[in-house]
Amino acid sequence: MTPLRTLTPLMALLAAPMIACAPAARPLSGSPTRAVLPPTAMAAGSQILRFTWTYQDETFEANGDGAVRVQSPDRARLDFFLKNGMTGGYAILVGDSLTVPGIDLVKRLLPPVPLLWSSLGRLALPPTQDTTARIDGDTLRADLGVLRGRDASLADGRAWRLAFGGTALARVERIEDGKVIEWMSRRRGANGQWQLQYVHERGKRRLAIAVTDTTTVEGFDDAIWRRP
């Protein structure tokens, strides 16, 4: 696994002060567009992504490494290990179903299913009534929810805000009554691999993941998808 010293950039990222309350969602920026959202289905086949991770909330901090095994169209298994070879845990994600057996560590780390899928570039949101989109350079932003001719900053109840950099899903926000409650962001690091960050604003929880290696494989034993 990747040496612990590679976690330093992640620790710096998490050093920013925790936000005491959920910030207000800003009005959707850019020029109105009727552009179709880019496809977000997982690439065909199977992959293993190895990563390092750092987690922080008001009472707990931890870091380590792990791996996610991904199989299209909608299967993923995530394994997390604490630093220095200590115990860890795993989660199995199949479609809209997330199973997290064993210790509470992984339950504490993970975002809800829609944001967890977005970390892998797959959009899997609940059905929504309205969509509005704006484009700013190569960034396409879209709000989904009960918008009533407005955007997510003024939506009724729950809404989602998406951002695409080119054709890649870059950020997903869950907005409640005009407040950004939680979000997941994705960007390419200097090594070309994905750097992910999940933040729950009200819960003051942060998870940062840096993918260190991506390997394409022929497939996986069916046993890894079995739930206890």
Protein backbone atom coordinates (compact mmCIF):
# COMPACT_ATOMS: atom_id res chain seq x y z
CA MET A 1 0.00 0.00 0.00
CA THR A 2 1.03 3.63 -0.43
CA PRO A 3 3.35 4.94 2.36
CA LEU A 4 1.75 7.20 4.93
CA ARG A 5 3.90 10.19 3.91
CA THR A 6 1.76 10.60 0.76
CA LEU A 7 -1.10 11.74 3.00
CA THR A 8 0.49 15.10 3.69
CA PRO A 9 -1.35 17.03 0.90
CA LEU A 10 -4.64 15.58 2.11
CA MET A 11 -3.97 16.68 5.67
CA ALA A 12 -3.25 20.18 4.40
CA LEU A 13 -6.54 20.13 2.52
CA LEU A 14 -8.43 19.18 5.67
CA ALA A 15 -6.70 21.78 7.79
CA ALA A 16 -9.17 24.48 6.67
CA PRO A 17 -11.55 25.55 9.45
CA MET A 18 -14.75 23.58 9.74
CA ILE A 19 -17.87 25.51 8.72
CA ALA A 20 -20.24 26.04 11.64
CA CYS A 21 -23.42 25.95 9.58
CA ALA A 22 -24.57 25.14 6.08
CA PRO A 23 -23.82 27.98 3.63
CA ALA A 24 -26.50 29.44 1.40
CA ALA A 25 -26.59 28.16 -2.17
CA ARG A 26 -25.66 30.92 -4.60
CA PRO A 27 -27.77 31.65 -7.66
CA LEU A 28 -26.78 29.43 -10.58
CA SER A 29 -24.10 31.21 -12.61
CA GLY A 30 -23.40 31.24 -16.35
CA SER A 31 -25.54 31.65 -19.47
CA PRO A 32 -28.81 29.68 -19.88
CA THR A 33 -28.40 26.59 -22.06
CA ARG A 34 -30.46 23.70 -23.36
CA ALA A 35 -27.39 21.48 -23.55
CA VAL A 36 -27.93 17.84 -22.62
CA LEU A 37 -26.03 16.68 -19.53
CA PRO A 38 -22.95 14.58 -20.44
CA PRO A 39 -23.30 10.81 -19.96
CA THR A 40 -22.20 9.55 -16.56
CA ALA A 41 -22.42 5.78 -16.93
CA MET A 42 -19.43 3.80 -15.68
CA ALA A 43 -16.95 2.59 -18.26
CA ALA A 44 -17.46 -1.00 -19.36
CA GLY A 45 -15.41 -3.62 -17.59
CA SER A 46 -13.78 -3.85 -14.16
CA GLN A 47 -11.19 -1.73 -12.40
CA ILE A 48 -9.31 -1.50 -9.10
CA LEU A 49 -8.59 1.98 -7.75
CA ARG A 50 -6.08 2.18 -4.90
CA PHE A 51 -6.13 5.29 -2.74
CA THR A 52 -5.10 7.07 0.44
CA TRP A 53 -7.70 8.72 2.66
CA THR A 54 -8.06 11.16 5.54
CA TYR A 55 -11.17 11.75 7.62
CA GLN A 56 -12.04 14.43 10.17
CA ASP A 57 -15.07 15.46 12.22
CA GLU A 58 -15.56 17.28 15.53
CA THR A 59 -14.51 14.33 17.69
CA PHE A 60 -12.51 11.96 15.48
CA GLU A 61 -9.64 11.92 13.00
CA ALA A 62 -8.23 8.98 11.04
CA ASN A 63 -6.26 8.18 7.90
CA GLY A 64 -4.97 5.21 5.96
CA ASP A 65 -5.25 3.59 2.55
CA GLY A 66 -7.69 1.41 0.68
CA ALA A 67 -9.05 0.16 -2.59
CA VAL A 68 -12.30 0.23 -4.52
CA ARG A 69 -13.21 -2.51 -6.94
CA VAL A 70 -15.61 -1.25 -9.60
CA GLN A 71 -17.62 -3.30 -12.05
CA SER A 72 -19.99 -1.77 -14.58
CA PRO A 73 -22.78 -0.99 -14.73
CA ASP A 74 -23.42 -0.44 -11.01
CA ARG A 75 -21.25 -2.42 -8.60
CA ALA A 76 -18.50 -1.22 -6.27
CA ARG A 77 -16.75 -2.61 -3.20
CA LEU A 78 -14.78 -0.21 -1.02
CA ASP A 79 -12.16 -1.40 1.47
CA PHE A 80 -10.66 1.00 4.02
CA PHE A 81 -7.59 0.27 6.18
CA LEU A 82 -6.31 2.38 9.04
CA LYS A 83 -2.65 3.40 8.99
CA ASN A 84 0.07 1.11 10.37
CA GLY A 85 -1.83 -2.03 9.42
CA MET A 86 -4.57 -1.53 11.97
CA THR A 87 -8.14 -2.78 11.48
CA GLY A 88 -10.42 -1.51 8.75
CA GLY A 89 -13.76 -2.22 7.14
CA TYR A 90 -15.59 -2.46 3.85
CA ALA A 91 -18.79 -1.53 2.06
CA ILE A 92 -20.66 -3.09 -0.85
CA LEU A 93 -22.55 -0.81 -3.23
CA VAL A 94 -24.92 -2.40 -5.74
CA GLY A 95 -27.29 -0.06 -7.52
CA ASP A 96 -29.11 1.96 -4.85
CA SER A 97 -28.24 -0.50 -2.06
CA LEU A 98 -25.32 0.14 0.30
CA THR A 99 -24.26 -2.55 2.79
CA VAL A 100 -21.69 -1.68 5.47
CA PRO A 101 -21.09 -4.70 7.75
CA GLY A 102 -18.79 -4.89 10.74
CA ILE A 103 -17.27 -1.95 12.59
CA ASP A 104 -18.76 1.55 12.53
CA LEU A 105 -15.64 3.18 11.02
CA VAL A 106 -16.74 2.87 7.39
CA LYS A 107 -20.33 3.92 8.18
CA ARG A 108 -18.86 7.07 9.69
CA LEU A 109 -16.70 7.78 6.64
CA LEU A 110 -19.06 7.31 3.75
CA PRO A 111 -21.46 9.80 2.14
CA PRO A 112 -25.00 8.75 1.15
CA VAL A 113 -25.44 6.60 -1.95
CA PRO A 114 -25.99 9.37 -4.56
CA LEU A 115 -22.82 11.20 -3.51
CA LEU A 116 -20.88 7.97 -3.17
CA TRP A 117 -21.71 7.09 -6.78
CA SER A 118 -20.78 10.60 -7.88
CA SER A 119 -17.27 10.06 -6.46
CA LEU A 120 -16.91 7.38 -9.15
CA GLY A 121 -18.28 9.64 -11.88
CA ARG A 122 -21.69 7.95 -12.00
CA LEU A 123 -24.83 10.05 -11.57
CA ALA A 124 -27.49 8.15 -9.60
CA LEU A 125 -29.87 10.75 -8.16
CA PRO A 126 -33.49 10.22 -7.08
CA PRO A 127 -36.08 11.33 -9.67
CA THR A 128 -36.54 15.10 -9.82
CA GLN A 129 -39.26 17.31 -11.25
CA ASP A 130 -37.39 20.20 -12.89
CA THR A 131 -33.99 20.87 -14.43
CA THR A 132 -32.30 24.13 -15.32
CA ALA A 133 -28.79 24.48 -16.74
CA ARG A 134 -26.24 27.21 -17.39
CA ILE A 135 -22.86 27.16 -19.08
CA ASP A 136 -19.75 29.19 -18.23
CA GLY A 137 -16.77 28.48 -20.51
CA ASP A 138 -16.22 24.72 -20.42
CA THR A 139 -18.19 24.34 -17.15
CA LEU A 140 -21.79 23.18 -17.37
CA ARG A 141 -23.89 23.56 -14.21
CA ALA A 142 -27.36 22.17 -13.67
CA ASP A 143 -29.91 22.33 -10.84
CA LEU A 144 -32.46 19.55 -10.35
CA GLY A 145 -35.45 19.57 -8.00
CA VAL A 146 -38.78 21.35 -7.52
CA LEU A 147 -37.48 24.56 -9.08
CA ARG A 148 -40.73 26.24 -10.22
CA GLY A 149 -38.89 28.24 -12.87
CA ARG A 150 -36.03 29.17 -10.53
CA ASP A 151 -32.77 27.52 -9.46
CA ALA A 152 -31.69 25.46 -6.43
CA SER A 153 -30.94 28.55 -4.35
CA LEU A 154 -34.71 29.20 -4.25
CA ALA A 155 -36.02 25.65 -4.66
CA ASP A 156 -38.67 24.08 -2.47
CA GLY A 157 -37.22 21.37 -0.24
CA ARG A 158 -34.41 19.23 -1.62
CA ALA A 159 -32.49 20.01 -4.79
CA TRP A 160 -29.25 18.88 -6.41
CA ARG A 161 -26.61 20.99 -8.12
CA LEU A 162 -24.25 19.40 -10.65
CA ALA A 163 -21.09 20.76 -12.23
CA PHE A 164 -19.32 19.23 -15.22
CA GLY A 165 -15.82 20.20 -16.32
CA GLY A 166 -16.00 19.43 -20.02
CA THR A 167 -17.69 16.00 -20.03
CA ALA A 168 -16.47 14.90 -16.58
CA LEU A 169 -18.66 15.12 -13.48
CA ALA A 170 -16.80 17.52 -11.18
CA ARG A 171 -19.13 18.28 -8.26
CA VAL A 172 -22.51 17.30 -6.82
CA GLU A 173 -24.22 19.28 -4.04
CA ARG A 174 -27.28 18.37 -1.97
CA ILE A 175 -29.24 21.52 -1.20
CA GLU A 176 -32.10 21.77 1.30
CA ASP A 177 -34.28 24.89 1.40
CA GLY A 178 -31.54 26.97 -0.19
CA LYS A 179 -28.69 25.67 2.01
CA VAL A 180 -25.78 23.51 0.82
CA ILE A 181 -25.91 20.58 3.25
CA GLU A 182 -23.24 18.32 1.73
CA TRP A 183 -21.20 17.91 -1.45
CA MET A 184 -18.73 15.73 -3.32
CA SER A 185 -16.03 17.10 -5.63
CA ARG A 186 -13.72 15.39 -8.14
CA ARG A 187 -10.61 16.70 -9.88
CA ARG A 188 -7.51 15.29 -11.51
CA GLY A 189 -4.32 15.51 -9.48
CA ALA A 190 -0.80 16.10 -10.80
CA ASN A 191 -0.44 12.33 -11.30
CA GLY A 192 -3.55 12.23 -13.50
CA GLN A 193 -5.50 10.29 -10.89
CA TRP A 194 -8.69 11.46 -9.19
CA GLN A 195 -8.69 13.50 -6.00
CA LEU A 196 -12.01 13.41 -4.20
CA GLN A 197 -13.44 15.39 -1.33
CA TYR A 198 -16.69 14.85 0.56
CA VAL A 199 -17.93 17.50 3.01
CA HIS A 200 -21.03 17.46 5.20
CA GLU A 201 -21.37 21.12 6.15
CA ARG A 202 -23.79 20.76 9.06
CA GLY A 203 -22.21 17.58 10.37
CA LYS A 204 -18.72 19.11 10.09
CA ARG A 205 -17.44 15.93 8.45
CA ARG A 206 -14.71 15.79 5.79
CA LEU A 207 -13.34 12.85 3.83
CA ALA A 208 -10.51 13.33 1.34
CA ILE A 209 -9.42 10.55 -1.01
CA ALA A 210 -6.44 10.59 -3.38
CA VAL A 211 -6.39 7.79 -5.95
CA THR A 212 -2.82 6.55 -6.39
CA ASP A 213 -3.28 3.83 -9.01
CA THR A 214 -5.97 2.60 -11.41
CA THR A 215 -5.75 -0.92 -12.85
CA THR A 216 -8.08 -2.55 -15.38
CA VAL A 217 -8.76 -6.23 -14.64
CA GLU A 218 -10.70 -9.03 -16.32
CA GLY A 219 -13.25 -9.31 -13.52
CA PHE A 220 -13.83 -10.25 -9.88
CA ASP A 221 -14.87 -13.31 -7.94
CA ASP A 222 -18.60 -13.11 -7.20
CA ALA A 223 -17.80 -13.66 -3.52
CA ILE A 224 -16.73 -10.03 -3.08
CA TRP A 225 -20.32 -8.86 -3.70
CA ARG A 226 -21.91 -11.21 -1.14
CA ARG A 227 -23.52 -9.50 1.80
CA PRO A 228 -23.27 -11.05 5.27
